[in-house]
Amino acid sequence: SGMGRVYLPGQILAEFGLTRQDLLEGRPGPHFKALVQHMASRARHYYEQAEPLPGHIDPCSRAALLAMRGIYRRLLDIDKGIKTGGMPGQTAYELLIADLTR
């Protein structure tokens, strides 16, 4: 949101009591955590549906697909407590919230 952009549909924001302006102004509100968890769950669902995809990709391109899938899947684990380079014990999710609420 630092560049004036929010890549979430207004309908989904509204479901969690948020507006685009809330995010742009750094006011994520009390339902922001639930929104992040919802979006992560939704993405995990799509990754699960795409499990068979590598078998249909040309072997020359498969390694790149698997690498990117692994990277982005790990990013989804922010709400599961992956440790980061922040404060001891701080999760990537907590760092995201801290960044958005500055």
Protein backbone atom coordinates (compact mmCIF):
# COMPACT_ATOMS: atom_id res chain seq x y z
CA SER A 1 0.00 0.00 0.00
CA GLY A 2 3.04 2.29 0.20
CA MET A 3 2.66 3.01 -3.50
CA GLY A 4 -1.05 3.79 -3.29
CA ARG A 5 -2.12 0.34 -4.45
CA VAL A 6 -4.25 -2.33 -2.82
CA TYR A 7 -4.50 -5.60 -4.73
CA LEU A 8 -7.55 -6.96 -2.94
CA PRO A 9 -11.11 -6.76 -4.22
CA GLY A 10 -13.29 -4.25 -2.38
CA GLN A 11 -15.89 -6.98 -1.76
CA ILE A 12 -13.38 -9.07 0.22
CA LEU A 13 -12.20 -6.03 2.17
CA ALA A 14 -15.83 -5.20 3.00
CA GLU A 15 -16.43 -8.75 4.28
CA PHE A 16 -13.78 -8.02 6.92
CA GLY A 17 -14.98 -4.51 7.67
CA LEU A 18 -12.11 -2.84 5.84
CA THR A 19 -11.79 -0.35 3.04
CA ARG A 20 -9.05 0.34 0.55
CA GLN A 21 -8.51 3.67 2.29
CA ASP A 22 -8.02 1.95 5.67
CA LEU A 23 -5.10 0.02 4.24
CA LEU A 24 -3.65 2.98 2.34
CA GLU A 25 -3.71 5.08 5.50
CA GLY A 26 -2.15 2.33 7.62
CA ARG A 27 -5.31 1.63 9.64
CA PRO A 28 -5.75 -2.13 9.16
CA GLY A 29 -8.27 -2.45 11.99
CA PRO A 30 -9.12 -5.37 14.24
CA HIS A 31 -10.20 -7.71 11.42
CA PHE A 32 -7.02 -7.42 9.37
CA LYS A 33 -5.50 -10.58 10.84
CA ALA A 34 -8.62 -12.54 9.88
CA LEU A 35 -8.40 -11.12 6.34
CA VAL A 36 -4.76 -12.23 6.00
CA GLN A 37 -5.61 -15.69 7.31
CA HIS A 38 -8.57 -15.95 4.94
CA MET A 39 -6.49 -14.97 1.92
CA ALA A 40 -3.69 -17.37 2.92
CA SER A 41 -6.20 -20.20 3.31
CA ARG A 42 -7.68 -19.41 -0.09
CA ALA A 43 -4.24 -19.43 -1.70
CA ARG A 44 -3.36 -22.75 -0.02
CA HIS A 45 -6.52 -24.20 -1.55
CA TYR A 46 -5.38 -23.15 -5.02
CA TYR A 47 -1.91 -24.59 -4.43
CA GLU A 48 -3.49 -27.90 -3.41
CA GLN A 49 -5.59 -27.93 -6.58
CA ALA A 50 -2.45 -27.27 -8.63
CA GLU A 51 -0.47 -30.20 -7.16
CA PRO A 52 -0.68 -32.27 -10.40
CA LEU A 53 0.47 -29.36 -12.58
CA PRO A 54 4.25 -30.08 -12.58
CA GLY A 55 3.61 -33.43 -14.26
CA HIS A 56 2.06 -31.58 -17.20
CA ILE A 57 4.87 -29.04 -17.61
CA ASP A 58 7.80 -29.50 -19.97
CA PRO A 59 10.72 -30.95 -17.96
CA CYS A 60 12.91 -27.99 -18.98
CA SER A 61 10.52 -25.60 -17.21
CA ARG A 62 9.55 -27.81 -14.28
CA ALA A 63 12.42 -26.83 -11.97
CA ALA A 64 11.49 -23.15 -12.13
CA LEU A 65 7.84 -23.95 -11.44
CA LEU A 66 8.74 -26.12 -8.45
CA ALA A 67 11.10 -23.50 -7.06
CA MET A 68 8.54 -20.70 -7.30
CA ARG A 69 5.80 -22.90 -5.90
CA GLY A 70 7.99 -23.74 -2.92
CA ILE A 71 8.91 -20.12 -2.27
CA TYR A 72 5.37 -18.81 -2.43
CA ARG A 73 3.97 -21.69 -0.43
CA ARG A 74 6.41 -20.92 2.37
CA LEU A 75 5.33 -17.30 2.32
CA LEU A 76 1.79 -18.49 3.02
CA ASP A 77 2.99 -19.98 6.28
CA ILE A 78 3.39 -16.55 7.84
CA ASP A 79 0.30 -17.12 9.95
CA LYS A 80 1.72 -20.45 11.12
CA GLY A 81 4.66 -18.83 12.86
CA ILE A 82 7.63 -19.02 10.53
CA LYS A 83 10.53 -17.26 12.22
CA THR A 84 12.17 -14.36 10.43
CA GLY A 85 15.07 -12.01 10.91
CA GLY A 86 12.97 -9.71 13.14
CA MET A 87 12.88 -9.68 16.90
CA PRO A 88 13.46 -13.07 18.56
CA GLY A 89 10.27 -15.09 18.23
CA GLN A 90 8.62 -12.58 15.90
CA THR A 91 6.76 -14.12 12.98
CA ALA A 92 6.65 -12.80 9.44
CA TYR A 93 2.96 -12.06 10.03
CA GLU A 94 3.82 -9.89 13.04
CA LEU A 95 6.41 -8.05 10.98
CA LEU A 96 3.82 -7.47 8.25
CA ILE A 97 1.36 -6.04 10.78
CA ALA A 98 4.06 -3.85 12.30
CA ASP A 99 4.99 -2.53 8.88
CA LEU A 100 1.38 -1.79 7.95
CA THR A 101 0.65 -0.01 11.22
CA ARG A 102 3.68 2.31 11.20
